[in-house]
Amino acid sequence: MNEAPEGRTPLIGTLRGLGVSPGLAAGPVCRMEDASRLSDGPWTAASPAVEADTAVRALLTASLSLSALAEKAAEPEARAILEAQSFIAADPLLQESVEENVRNGMHALDAITAACARHREALVAAGGYFAERAADLDDIRNRAVAAARNLPMSALPDPGHPFVLVAEDLSPADTVALDPATVLAVVTEKGGPTSHTAILARARGVPAVVACRGVRELRDGTLVAVDGALGEVRTGIGEEEAAGIMRRAAEQRDRLRTSTGPGRTADGHPVKLLLNIGSAADLGTEVSAEGVGLFRTEFLFLDRRTAPEMDEQVAAYEAVFRALPGDRVVVRTLDAGTDKPLPFLGLPEETNPALGVRGLRVARARPEVLDTQLDAIAAAARAAGVRPWVMAPMVTTVAEAADFARRARSRGIADVGAMVEVPAAALRASRLLAELDFLSVGTNDLSQYTCAVDRQHGELADLLDPWQPALLRLVAECADAGRRAGKPVGVCGEAAADPLLAPVLAGLGVTSLSMSALSVPAVREALAARTMAECEHAARSALEADGPAEARRHAG
């Protein structure tokens, strides 16, 4: 069972990566084939006109398949990612590049591969949001090549029994297609804590470990135990132990299904559990949380040539307010810019978009976009009879916080806050709270800017681990400022969904945690298992650690 690939020593022991989706699982490994090899093999070229038509049709087929998957996706994160991929696949510039390659003598498969490679390089060079989208071009290439060859677009294995999926990485489309009844866990050699694989596996409730070096050395059929919280893949287990792990996992799932009520520690200290959403549709029929901690309004603006009209915005915001009439709803104003390009903004390209005009900074060039959005939020709140909370992304200075607060309050919005996504804001949290009513820490971007690592850099994924003590220190700075000011400070980044980290964040003084709906029960149970004194002890231990692995051990 644990036989190694020919010429290699069997892997016995524990492989370690980054745990990005909590849960336990055990079962046989099944490795995913490298989809990039679809273009290998003989290809009989036809006339240039036929080859160009084949290539362009293949791209459009890939676009339509991604759009169809987006419509079926239950998770808002999945819909947004797949819609963006579909848009890229249908980009006229990509099609023109393919046609040019055919004119230069390439057949359809090579033309698609070369065009996607060229656009991928451009996105990587642009950095920021563009670099995050670069990996999507690999999937678009694979899907288009498969379409051109009349082959299935998904490379997901189907061994006929439940298995632990091992891959170099997963595309968003393949992650969405996972059947949790068959795929017991996902382990990838690449990826990071904010990669598509991590976000979508968490949203689907599938245990996952990423950045796990050496995992693809395992042979198909090798029994492994996966801990998606600790980031461990243990080999050398037997069938009896594997069955025991799966029984514990089932008991844990059953317990979480019956978990209800507000977020509290064992001794009753409240920690609000909130949701991250993109629209009212993301709330579903049952809301097990205490409100919304992050309403991402940019989904209303995506892929548009003109900004949504005032009435359209009012209707979208009012739908969420009416769905949660007595709960907190925190609306984040448009988080876009040159790192997340929206055509109607008309912003010039930048050398380093991640460090340029994004978030609240867009208001410097297009103040009317922010003003219209604030008008719409205020109108929607009046119509629904609620008191909204509104926050701005990428706030950096006290002056920016004060200006945003003035704009919002002049429209009757009383509860005004800011996202803390850059170290400068965390270090000045006390002064920001002199102007604002609350803060919300976005740990995804705060990790990126604190450790100077691109969020999609697989080789440096460990530096983006939310357990990095430097990141936790900045969260503590914000929480301390909130405690002194008597104002709430929440966390709405992916760190909030980690049930091991939740007690640490509570111990640091964080007053709310915002996450996907599937993550709420596990976080609720983790908080309920510890007293506030135990949470504070875990927080001190994590802060004193020299690295994320040590922080996890000490906090546990």
Protein backbone atom coordinates (compact mmCIF):
# COMPACT_ATOMS: atom_id res chain seq x y z
CA MET A 1 0.00 0.00 0.00
CA ASN A 2 2.82 2.40 0.84
CA GLU A 3 4.95 1.32 -2.10
CA ALA A 4 6.97 4.24 -3.47
CA PRO A 5 7.39 5.27 -7.10
CA GLU A 6 10.02 3.19 -8.84
CA GLY A 7 13.53 4.05 -7.67
CA ARG A 8 12.33 6.05 -4.67
CA THR A 9 12.17 5.39 -0.96
CA PRO A 10 8.65 4.88 0.46
CA LEU A 11 7.31 7.98 2.23
CA ILE A 12 6.54 7.06 5.82
CA GLY A 13 5.81 9.72 8.40
CA THR A 14 4.19 13.15 8.32
CA LEU A 15 4.18 15.64 5.46
CA ARG A 16 3.46 19.22 6.47
CA GLY A 17 1.87 22.06 4.56
CA LEU A 18 -0.59 24.83 5.34
CA GLY A 19 -3.94 23.79 6.76
CA VAL A 20 -6.49 25.94 4.92
CA SER A 21 -9.79 24.11 5.43
CA PRO A 22 -10.32 22.43 8.80
CA GLY A 23 -11.51 18.88 9.28
CA LEU A 24 -10.24 15.32 9.57
CA ALA A 25 -10.21 12.67 6.86
CA ALA A 26 -8.46 9.41 6.02
CA GLY A 27 -8.42 7.32 2.89
CA PRO A 28 -6.47 6.19 -0.15
CA VAL A 29 -4.57 8.72 -2.27
CA CYS A 30 -5.70 9.35 -5.83
CA ARG A 31 -3.47 11.68 -7.82
CA MET A 32 -4.78 14.09 -10.41
CA GLU A 33 -3.16 13.98 -13.82
CA ASP A 34 -1.37 17.05 -15.14
CA ALA A 35 -3.97 18.66 -17.43
CA SER A 36 -1.29 20.71 -19.21
CA ARG A 37 -0.32 17.52 -21.09
CA LEU A 38 -3.60 17.65 -23.02
CA SER A 39 -1.81 19.47 -25.83
CA ASP A 40 0.78 16.67 -26.18
CA GLY A 41 0.57 14.19 -28.98
CA PRO A 42 0.05 14.38 -32.74
CA TRP A 43 -2.24 17.01 -34.21
CA THR A 44 -3.02 17.08 -37.90
CA ALA A 45 -3.21 20.70 -38.91
CA ALA A 46 -5.88 21.90 -41.33
CA SER A 47 -5.93 25.19 -43.23
CA PRO A 48 -5.14 28.36 -41.23
CA ALA A 49 -8.78 29.43 -41.46
CA VAL A 50 -9.99 26.12 -40.01
CA GLU A 51 -7.30 26.12 -37.30
CA ALA A 52 -8.19 29.69 -36.27
CA ASP A 53 -11.89 28.85 -36.18
CA THR A 54 -11.18 25.72 -34.09
CA ALA A 55 -9.09 27.69 -31.58
CA VAL A 56 -11.53 30.59 -31.18
CA ARG A 57 -14.51 28.23 -30.87
CA ALA A 58 -12.60 26.30 -28.20
CA LEU A 59 -12.05 29.48 -26.17
CA LEU A 60 -15.72 30.40 -26.43
CA THR A 61 -16.69 26.85 -25.39
CA ALA A 62 -14.42 27.18 -22.35
CA SER A 63 -16.00 30.54 -21.54
CA LEU A 64 -19.54 29.16 -21.78
CA SER A 65 -18.68 26.12 -19.66
CA LEU A 66 -17.21 28.35 -16.93
CA SER A 67 -20.27 30.62 -17.06
CA ALA A 68 -22.56 27.58 -16.69
CA LEU A 69 -20.54 26.37 -13.69
CA ALA A 70 -20.79 29.84 -12.14
CA GLU A 71 -24.58 29.78 -12.43
CA LYS A 72 -24.75 26.42 -10.66
CA ALA A 73 -22.24 27.29 -7.93
CA ALA A 74 -23.85 27.58 -4.51
CA GLU A 75 -20.99 29.51 -2.92
CA PRO A 76 -20.63 33.25 -3.66
CA GLU A 77 -16.84 32.93 -3.73
CA ALA A 78 -17.08 30.27 -6.43
CA ARG A 79 -19.50 32.28 -8.56
CA ALA A 80 -17.27 35.34 -8.51
CA ILE A 81 -14.13 33.41 -9.44
CA LEU A 82 -15.76 31.41 -12.23
CA GLU A 83 -17.51 34.47 -13.71
CA ALA A 84 -14.16 36.26 -13.86
CA GLN A 85 -12.57 33.25 -15.58
CA SER A 86 -15.40 33.12 -18.11
CA PHE A 87 -14.87 36.81 -18.87
CA ILE A 88 -11.13 36.26 -19.46
CA ALA A 89 -11.75 33.30 -21.79
CA ALA A 90 -14.07 35.44 -23.92
CA ASP A 91 -11.69 38.42 -24.03
CA PRO A 92 -11.36 39.60 -27.68
CA LEU A 93 -7.66 40.35 -27.08
CA LEU A 94 -7.03 36.70 -26.20
CA GLN A 95 -8.90 35.59 -29.32
CA GLU A 96 -6.92 38.02 -31.48
CA SER A 97 -3.70 36.64 -30.03
CA VAL A 98 -4.77 33.09 -30.94
CA GLU A 99 -5.63 34.12 -34.51
CA GLU A 100 -2.28 35.87 -34.87
CA ASN A 101 -0.49 32.71 -33.73
CA VAL A 102 -2.32 30.68 -36.39
CA ARG A 103 -1.33 33.20 -39.05
CA ASN A 104 2.28 32.70 -37.92
CA GLY A 105 2.04 28.98 -38.69
CA MET A 106 0.81 27.43 -35.44
CA HIS A 107 -1.96 24.85 -35.28
CA ALA A 108 -4.94 25.38 -32.96
CA LEU A 109 -3.52 23.69 -29.83
CA ASP A 110 -0.18 25.50 -29.95
CA ALA A 111 -1.94 28.78 -30.78
CA ILE A 112 -4.13 28.51 -27.67
CA THR A 113 -1.19 27.49 -25.46
CA ALA A 114 1.07 30.28 -26.70
CA ALA A 115 -1.63 32.97 -26.43
CA CYS A 116 -2.51 31.98 -22.87
CA ALA A 117 1.18 31.88 -21.93
CA ARG A 118 1.73 35.38 -23.31
CA HIS A 119 -1.25 36.81 -21.43
CA ARG A 120 -0.24 34.92 -18.28
CA GLU A 121 3.23 36.50 -18.35
CA ALA A 122 1.68 39.95 -18.70
CA LEU A 123 -0.58 39.38 -15.69
CA VAL A 124 2.26 38.07 -13.54
CA ALA A 125 4.37 41.10 -14.47
CA ALA A 126 1.50 43.42 -13.49
CA GLY A 127 1.35 41.95 -9.97
CA GLY A 128 -1.46 42.31 -7.44
CA TYR A 129 -4.93 41.24 -8.57
CA PHE A 130 -3.63 40.61 -12.11
CA ALA A 131 -1.09 38.09 -10.78
CA GLU A 132 -3.88 36.34 -8.87
CA ARG A 133 -5.77 35.89 -12.16
CA ALA A 134 -2.68 34.53 -13.97
CA ALA A 135 -3.24 30.98 -12.72
CA ASP A 136 -6.75 31.14 -14.16
CA LEU A 137 -5.22 31.27 -17.64
CA ASP A 138 -3.70 27.82 -17.07
CA ASP A 139 -7.19 26.46 -16.50
CA ILE A 140 -8.60 28.36 -19.48
CA ARG A 141 -5.80 26.93 -21.66
CA ASN A 142 -6.50 23.39 -20.47
CA ARG A 143 -10.25 23.72 -20.96
CA ALA A 144 -9.89 25.25 -24.41
CA VAL A 145 -7.39 22.61 -25.55
CA ALA A 146 -9.72 19.88 -24.26
CA ALA A 147 -12.61 21.48 -26.16
CA ALA A 148 -10.53 21.61 -29.35
CA ARG A 149 -9.74 17.90 -28.97
CA ASN A 150 -13.33 16.99 -27.99
CA LEU A 151 -12.09 15.71 -24.62
CA PRO A 152 -13.67 16.16 -21.15
CA MET A 153 -12.71 19.51 -19.63
CA SER A 154 -12.20 18.21 -16.09
CA ALA A 155 -9.18 16.11 -15.17
CA LEU A 156 -10.64 15.07 -11.80
CA PRO A 157 -10.05 11.36 -11.16
CA ASP A 158 -12.93 8.96 -10.59
CA PRO A 159 -11.58 5.74 -9.04
CA GLY A 160 -15.06 4.55 -8.04
CA HIS A 161 -14.55 4.91 -4.28
CA PRO A 162 -13.94 7.74 -1.74
CA PHE A 163 -10.39 9.09 -1.89
CA VAL A 164 -7.97 11.82 -0.84
CA LEU A 165 -7.29 13.99 -3.90
CA VAL A 166 -3.62 14.86 -4.41
CA ALA A 167 -2.66 17.41 -7.07
CA GLU A 168 -0.09 20.01 -7.98
CA ASP A 169 -2.90 22.55 -7.64
CA LEU A 170 -6.59 22.75 -8.46
CA SER A 171 -8.41 25.10 -10.78
CA PRO A 172 -11.49 26.91 -9.41
CA ALA A 173 -13.71 24.91 -11.78
CA ASP A 174 -12.31 21.59 -10.56
CA THR A 175 -12.62 22.65 -6.92
CA VAL A 176 -16.26 23.59 -7.43
CA ALA A 177 -16.87 20.22 -9.10
CA LEU A 178 -15.61 18.26 -6.08
CA ASP A 179 -18.19 15.94 -4.54
CA PRO A 180 -17.62 16.03 -0.74
CA ALA A 181 -19.18 12.56 -0.52
CA THR A 182 -16.38 11.16 -2.69
CA VAL A 183 -13.43 13.54 -2.21
CA LEU A 184 -12.55 13.08 1.46
CA ALA A 185 -9.83 15.76 1.47
CA VAL A 186 -7.66 17.80 -0.88
CA VAL A 187 -3.88 18.07 -0.64
CA THR A 188 -1.91 20.19 -3.13
CA GLU A 189 1.78 20.78 -3.60
CA LYS A 190 1.26 24.43 -4.51
CA GLY A 191 -1.14 27.15 -3.35
CA GLY A 192 -1.43 29.39 -0.31
CA PRO A 193 -3.92 30.32 2.40
CA THR A 194 -5.74 32.76 0.12
CA SER A 195 -5.52 30.71 -3.09
CA HIS A 196 -8.65 29.69 -4.96
CA THR A 197 -8.21 26.12 -3.77
CA ALA A 198 -8.14 27.24 -0.14
CA ILE A 199 -11.11 29.59 -0.39
CA LEU A 200 -13.33 27.19 -2.31
CA ALA A 201 -12.42 24.07 -0.31
CA ARG A 202 -13.33 25.99 2.85
CA ALA A 203 -16.60 27.12 1.29
CA ARG A 204 -17.41 23.50 0.35
CA GLY A 205 -16.47 22.10 3.76
CA VAL A 206 -13.73 19.81 2.37
CA PRO A 207 -10.59 19.42 4.55
CA ALA A 208 -7.61 20.81 2.66
CA VAL A 209 -3.85 21.21 2.98
CA VAL A 210 -1.88 23.32 0.47
CA ALA A 211 1.84 24.01 -0.09
CA CYS A 212 2.56 20.43 0.97
CA ARG A 213 5.89 19.61 -0.60
CA GLY A 214 6.51 16.03 -1.60
CA VAL A 215 2.89 14.95 -1.49
CA ARG A 216 2.84 14.00 -5.17
CA GLU A 217 5.54 11.40 -4.45
CA LEU A 218 2.82 9.28 -2.81
CA ARG A 219 1.55 6.37 -4.86
CA ASP A 220 -2.12 5.98 -5.70
CA GLY A 221 -3.79 3.83 -3.05
CA THR A 222 -1.50 4.93 -0.20
CA LEU A 223 -3.57 5.34 2.97
CA VAL A 224 -3.13 8.78 4.54
CA ALA A 225 -4.68 10.77 7.38
CA VAL A 226 -5.32 14.46 6.66
CA ASP A 227 -5.74 17.20 9.29
CA GLY A 228 -6.96 20.30 7.49
CA ALA A 229 -6.53 22.48 10.56
CA LEU A 230 -2.95 21.56 11.46
CA GLY A 231 -1.86 21.14 7.83
CA GLU A 232 -0.59 17.58 8.31
CA VAL A 233 -0.72 14.54 6.01
CA ARG A 234 0.25 11.39 7.91
CA THR A 235 1.31 8.24 6.08
CA GLY A 236 1.93 4.74 7.40
CA ILE A 237 -1.58 4.27 8.78
CA GLY A 238 -3.65 1.09 8.54
CA GLU A 239 -7.23 0.52 7.48
CA GLU A 240 -8.46 0.23 11.09
CA GLU A 241 -6.96 3.59 12.04
CA ALA A 242 -8.34 5.19 8.86
CA ALA A 243 -11.83 3.91 9.70
CA GLY A 244 -11.52 5.34 13.22
CA ILE A 245 -10.54 8.76 11.86
CA MET A 246 -13.52 8.79 9.53
CA ARG A 247 -15.85 7.87 12.43
CA ARG A 248 -14.50 10.82 14.44
CA ALA A 249 -14.91 13.08 11.43
CA ALA A 250 -18.55 11.99 11.00
CA GLU A 251 -19.24 12.57 14.71
CA GLN A 252 -17.69 16.02 14.40
CA ARG A 253 -19.85 16.86 11.38
CA ASP A 254 -23.00 15.66 13.17
CA ARG A 255 -22.16 17.81 16.18
CA LEU A 256 -21.58 20.86 14.03
CA ARG A 257 -24.87 20.39 12.17
CA THR A 258 -26.76 20.88 15.44
CA SER A 259 -24.64 23.86 16.54
CA THR A 260 -26.74 27.01 17.05
CA GLY A 261 -26.76 30.21 19.04
CA PRO A 262 -24.51 33.25 19.39
CA GLY A 263 -20.74 33.11 19.54
CA ARG A 264 -19.55 32.86 23.16
CA THR A 265 -16.63 31.48 25.11
CA ALA A 266 -17.25 28.77 27.72
CA ASP A 267 -17.72 31.42 30.41
CA GLY A 268 -20.10 33.54 28.32
CA HIS A 269 -17.82 36.21 26.81
CA PRO A 270 -19.52 37.29 23.53
CA VAL A 271 -17.71 37.11 20.18
CA LYS A 272 -20.15 37.87 17.36
CA LEU A 273 -20.15 35.40 14.47
CA LEU A 274 -20.96 37.13 11.18
CA LEU A 275 -21.10 36.27 7.49
CA ASN A 276 -19.13 37.33 4.42
CA ILE A 277 -21.55 37.79 1.48
CA GLY A 278 -21.77 39.35 -1.97
CA SER A 279 -25.55 39.68 -2.26
CA ALA A 280 -28.84 38.74 -0.58
CA ALA A 281 -28.75 35.42 -2.48
CA ASP A 282 -25.76 34.36 -0.40
CA LEU A 283 -27.80 34.40 2.80
CA GLY A 284 -29.85 31.32 1.89
CA THR A 285 -32.95 30.35 3.83
CA GLU A 286 -31.27 29.73 7.19
CA VAL A 287 -28.88 32.22 8.72
CA SER A 288 -26.94 30.63 11.57
CA ALA A 289 -24.86 33.75 12.21
CA GLU A 290 -25.58 37.03 13.97
CA GLY A 291 -25.49 39.27 10.94
CA VAL A 292 -23.13 40.24 8.14
CA GLY A 293 -19.59 41.38 8.84
CA LEU A 294 -18.58 41.88 5.21
CA PHE A 295 -21.02 42.73 2.42
CA ARG A 296 -18.76 42.85 -0.66
CA THR A 297 -20.52 45.36 -2.89
CA GLU A 298 -18.03 45.05 -5.77
CA PHE A 299 -19.91 42.02 -7.13
CA LEU A 300 -22.55 44.51 -8.27
CA PHE A 301 -19.93 46.39 -10.30
CA LEU A 302 -18.00 43.52 -11.94
CA ASP A 303 -17.58 43.25 -15.72
CA ARG A 304 -19.55 46.42 -16.47
CA ARG A 305 -18.77 49.22 -18.88
CA THR A 306 -20.83 51.68 -16.84
CA ALA A 307 -21.43 51.98 -13.10
CA PRO A 308 -24.72 50.54 -11.80
CA GLU A 309 -27.42 53.19 -11.55
CA MET A 310 -28.55 54.53 -8.19
CA ASP A 311 -31.84 52.59 -8.27
CA GLU A 312 -30.07 49.30 -8.99
CA GLN A 313 -27.71 49.82 -6.08
CA VAL A 314 -30.53 50.76 -3.70
CA ALA A 315 -32.43 47.59 -4.60
CA ALA A 316 -29.36 45.35 -4.03
CA TYR A 317 -28.54 46.86 -0.63
CA GLU A 318 -32.17 47.00 0.49
CA ALA A 319 -32.59 43.27 -0.24
CA VAL A 320 -29.84 42.44 2.24
CA PHE A 321 -31.11 44.89 4.87
CA ARG A 322 -34.65 43.47 4.68
CA ALA A 323 -33.35 39.90 4.97
CA LEU A 324 -31.66 40.75 8.28
CA PRO A 325 -33.81 43.49 9.83
CA GLY A 326 -32.56 43.13 13.40
CA ASP A 327 -28.93 42.16 12.78
CA ARG A 328 -25.74 44.05 12.09
CA VAL A 329 -24.96 44.42 8.38
CA VAL A 330 -21.54 45.87 7.57
CA VAL A 331 -21.39 47.19 4.00
CA ARG A 332 -17.95 47.61 2.45
CA THR A 333 -17.82 50.29 -0.20
CA LEU A 334 -16.39 49.42 -3.61
CA ASP A 335 -13.09 47.55 -3.29
CA ALA A 336 -11.64 47.98 -6.75
CA GLY A 337 -9.02 49.93 -8.62
CA THR A 338 -6.14 49.12 -10.91
CA ASP A 339 -5.50 45.89 -8.98
CA LYS A 340 -9.14 44.84 -9.58
CA PRO A 341 -9.86 46.64 -12.84
CA LEU A 342 -13.37 47.84 -13.63
CA PRO A 343 -13.64 49.31 -17.14
CA PHE A 344 -16.02 52.14 -16.20
CA LEU A 345 -13.53 53.58 -13.71
CA GLY A 346 -11.18 54.54 -16.54
CA LEU A 347 -8.09 54.34 -14.36
CA PRO A 348 -4.66 54.26 -16.03
CA GLU A 349 -2.53 51.12 -15.82
CA GLU A 350 0.11 51.06 -13.09
CA THR A 351 3.49 49.38 -12.75
CA ASN A 352 2.54 47.87 -9.39
CA PRO A 353 -1.26 47.90 -8.98
CA ALA A 354 -1.20 46.26 -5.52
CA LEU A 355 0.61 49.35 -4.25
CA GLY A 356 -1.41 51.82 -6.27
CA VAL A 357 -4.93 53.18 -6.68
CA ARG A 358 -7.26 50.67 -5.04
CA GLY A 359 -10.06 50.64 -2.49
CA LEU A 360 -10.81 54.05 -0.99
CA ARG A 361 -8.01 55.57 -3.06
CA VAL A 362 -10.24 55.32 -6.15
CA ALA A 363 -12.26 58.20 -4.67
CA ARG A 364 -9.28 60.50 -5.32
CA ALA A 365 -9.85 60.09 -9.05
CA ARG A 366 -13.58 59.25 -9.12
CA PRO A 367 -15.22 60.73 -5.98
CA GLU A 368 -18.68 60.57 -7.55
CA VAL A 369 -18.60 56.75 -7.54
CA LEU A 370 -18.18 56.68 -3.76
CA ASP A 371 -20.71 59.47 -3.20
CA THR A 372 -23.36 57.70 -5.29
CA GLN A 373 -22.75 54.45 -3.43
CA LEU A 374 -23.08 56.13 -0.03
CA ASP A 375 -26.29 57.81 -1.21
CA ALA A 376 -27.64 54.41 -2.29
CA ILE A 377 -26.71 52.72 1.00
CA ALA A 378 -28.39 55.50 2.99
CA ALA A 379 -31.54 55.36 0.83
CA ALA A 380 -31.73 51.56 1.10
CA ALA A 381 -31.36 51.71 4.88
CA ARG A 382 -34.17 54.29 5.16
CA ALA A 383 -36.45 52.17 2.97
CA ALA A 384 -35.75 49.04 5.05
CA GLY A 385 -35.91 50.88 8.38
CA VAL A 386 -32.48 49.71 9.53
CA ARG A 387 -29.27 51.26 10.82
CA PRO A 388 -26.40 50.25 8.50
CA TRP A 389 -22.72 49.92 9.28
CA VAL A 390 -20.47 51.12 6.45
CA MET A 391 -16.71 50.71 6.05
CA ALA A 392 -14.11 51.70 3.47
CA PRO A 393 -11.36 49.40 2.13
CA MET A 394 -7.64 50.26 2.04
CA VAL A 395 -7.78 53.09 4.56
CA THR A 396 -4.20 54.08 5.34
CA THR A 397 -4.15 57.46 7.09
CA VAL A 398 -6.13 59.33 9.72
CA ALA A 399 -7.00 61.97 7.11
CA GLU A 400 -8.55 59.33 4.83
CA ALA A 401 -10.57 57.93 7.75
CA ALA A 402 -11.81 61.39 8.72
CA ASP A 403 -12.82 62.26 5.15
CA PHE A 404 -14.70 58.98 4.69
CA ALA A 405 -16.48 59.44 8.02
CA ARG A 406 -17.53 62.96 7.02
CA ARG A 407 -18.94 61.77 3.69
CA ALA A 408 -20.89 58.91 5.28
CA ARG A 409 -22.24 60.84 8.27
CA SER A 410 -23.38 63.73 6.08
CA ARG A 411 -25.79 61.22 4.55
CA GLY A 412 -27.15 60.07 7.89
CA ILE A 413 -25.00 56.93 8.23
CA ALA A 414 -24.12 56.76 11.92
CA ASP A 415 -21.85 53.70 12.19
CA VAL A 416 -18.76 54.31 10.07
CA GLY A 417 -15.60 52.18 10.03
CA ALA A 418 -12.58 51.11 8.04
CA MET A 419 -10.84 47.98 6.86
CA VAL A 420 -7.37 47.52 8.32
CA GLU A 421 -5.39 45.99 5.46
CA VAL A 422 -2.04 47.79 5.66
CA PRO A 423 0.39 47.98 8.61
CA ALA A 424 0.18 51.79 8.63
CA ALA A 425 -3.50 51.59 9.58
CA ALA A 426 -2.90 48.95 12.27
CA LEU A 427 -0.12 51.00 13.84
CA ARG A 428 -2.39 54.06 13.97
CA ALA A 429 -5.52 52.18 15.05
CA SER A 430 -6.10 54.41 18.09
CA ARG A 431 -6.06 57.57 15.98
CA LEU A 432 -8.30 55.97 13.35
CA LEU A 433 -10.83 55.10 16.05
CA ALA A 434 -10.86 58.72 17.16
CA GLU A 435 -12.51 59.40 13.79
CA LEU A 436 -14.41 56.12 13.30
CA ASP A 437 -16.85 53.87 15.14
CA PHE A 438 -15.29 50.47 14.39
CA LEU A 439 -12.48 48.64 12.60
CA SER A 440 -12.47 45.38 10.63
CA VAL A 441 -9.15 43.64 10.04
CA GLY A 442 -8.74 42.11 6.58
CA THR A 443 -6.07 39.52 7.32
CA ASN A 444 -5.60 38.45 3.67
CA ASP A 445 -4.22 41.79 2.51
CA LEU A 446 -2.68 42.61 5.88
CA SER A 447 -0.60 39.39 5.59
CA GLN A 448 0.48 40.35 2.08
CA TYR A 449 1.58 43.84 2.99
CA THR A 450 3.11 42.92 6.35
CA CYS A 451 5.35 40.17 4.98
CA ALA A 452 5.85 41.72 1.50
CA VAL A 453 4.63 38.57 -0.28
CA ASP A 454 2.30 38.32 -3.25
CA ARG A 455 -0.81 36.42 -2.16
CA GLN A 456 -0.40 33.95 -5.04
CA HIS A 457 3.30 33.20 -4.57
CA GLY A 458 3.22 29.47 -3.88
CA GLU A 459 6.90 29.21 -2.89
CA LEU A 460 6.38 31.76 -0.10
CA ALA A 461 2.97 30.59 1.10
CA ASP A 462 4.28 30.02 4.63
CA LEU A 463 4.86 33.77 5.00
CA LEU A 464 1.13 34.33 4.37
CA ASP A 465 0.13 31.91 7.14
CA PRO A 466 -2.39 33.79 9.35
CA TRP A 467 -0.57 32.35 12.37
CA GLN A 468 2.49 34.51 11.61
CA PRO A 469 3.22 36.23 14.96
CA ALA A 470 3.89 39.57 13.22
CA LEU A 471 0.38 39.53 11.74
CA LEU A 472 -1.14 38.57 15.10
CA ARG A 473 0.77 41.46 16.72
CA LEU A 474 -0.88 43.92 14.33
CA VAL A 475 -4.30 42.41 15.05
CA ALA A 476 -3.54 42.83 18.75
CA GLU A 477 -2.66 46.51 18.17
CA CYS A 478 -6.09 47.07 16.61
CA ALA A 479 -7.92 45.13 19.31
CA ASP A 480 -6.11 47.00 22.08
CA ALA A 481 -7.06 50.30 20.47
CA GLY A 482 -10.68 49.17 20.28
CA ARG A 483 -10.69 48.11 23.93
CA ARG A 484 -9.33 51.49 25.04
CA ALA A 485 -11.85 53.37 22.90
CA GLY A 486 -14.75 51.12 23.82
CA LYS A 487 -15.34 50.40 20.11
CA PRO A 488 -15.65 47.06 18.28
CA VAL A 489 -12.82 45.56 16.25
CA GLY A 490 -13.58 42.52 14.08
CA VAL A 491 -11.71 40.23 11.70
CA CYS A 492 -13.20 39.49 8.28
CA GLY A 493 -10.26 37.87 6.48
CA GLU A 494 -9.83 34.13 5.95
CA ALA A 495 -8.21 33.86 9.40
CA ALA A 496 -11.64 34.35 10.98
CA ALA A 497 -12.79 30.97 9.59
CA ASP A 498 -10.01 28.99 11.32
CA PRO A 499 -11.51 27.25 14.39
CA LEU A 500 -8.06 26.84 15.95
CA LEU A 501 -7.26 30.51 15.49
CA ALA A 502 -10.67 31.83 16.61
CA PRO A 503 -9.94 31.49 20.38
CA VAL A 504 -6.60 33.25 19.84
CA LEU A 505 -8.28 36.15 18.06
CA ALA A 506 -10.85 36.36 20.87
CA GLY A 507 -8.02 36.36 23.37
CA LEU A 508 -6.37 39.25 21.52
CA GLY A 509 -9.56 41.25 22.08
CA VAL A 510 -11.31 40.84 18.70
CA THR A 511 -15.07 41.32 19.21
CA SER A 512 -16.42 39.68 16.02
CA LEU A 513 -15.40 37.16 13.39
CA SER A 514 -16.82 37.17 9.86
CA MET A 515 -16.67 34.14 7.53
CA SER A 516 -18.58 31.91 5.11
CA ALA A 517 -21.73 30.27 6.46
CA LEU A 518 -20.19 26.77 6.41
CA SER A 519 -17.38 27.90 8.72
CA VAL A 520 -19.63 29.28 11.46
CA PRO A 521 -20.48 26.07 13.38
CA ALA A 522 -16.85 24.95 13.82
CA VAL A 523 -15.79 28.42 15.00
CA ARG A 524 -18.77 28.57 17.37
CA GLU A 525 -17.83 25.22 18.92
CA ALA A 526 -14.15 26.18 19.21
CA LEU A 527 -15.00 29.34 21.14
CA ALA A 528 -17.47 27.49 23.38
CA ALA A 529 -14.76 24.99 24.36
CA ARG A 530 -12.54 27.61 26.08
CA THR A 531 -12.94 30.23 28.77
CA MET A 532 -11.88 33.78 28.05
CA ALA A 533 -8.87 33.32 30.33
CA GLU A 534 -7.81 30.30 28.25
CA CYS A 535 -8.25 32.32 25.05
CA GLU A 536 -6.07 35.10 26.44
CA HIS A 537 -3.40 32.59 27.46
CA ALA A 538 -3.45 31.07 23.95
CA ALA A 539 -3.13 34.57 22.46
CA ARG A 540 -0.10 35.43 24.61
CA SER A 541 1.55 32.14 23.67
CA ALA A 542 0.97 32.73 19.96
CA LEU A 543 2.38 36.26 20.14
CA GLU A 544 5.54 35.02 21.86
CA ALA A 545 6.21 32.34 19.24
CA ASP A 546 8.97 32.70 16.65
CA GLY A 547 6.92 31.32 13.77
CA PRO A 548 3.47 30.08 12.73
CA ALA A 549 4.10 26.39 13.50
CA GLU A 550 5.27 27.24 17.01
CA ALA A 551 2.33 29.62 17.43
CA ARG A 552 -0.09 26.82 16.58
CA ARG A 553 1.56 24.41 19.01
CA HIS A 554 1.70 26.90 21.88
CA ALA A 555 -1.84 28.15 21.33
CA GLY A 556 -3.23 24.61 21.23
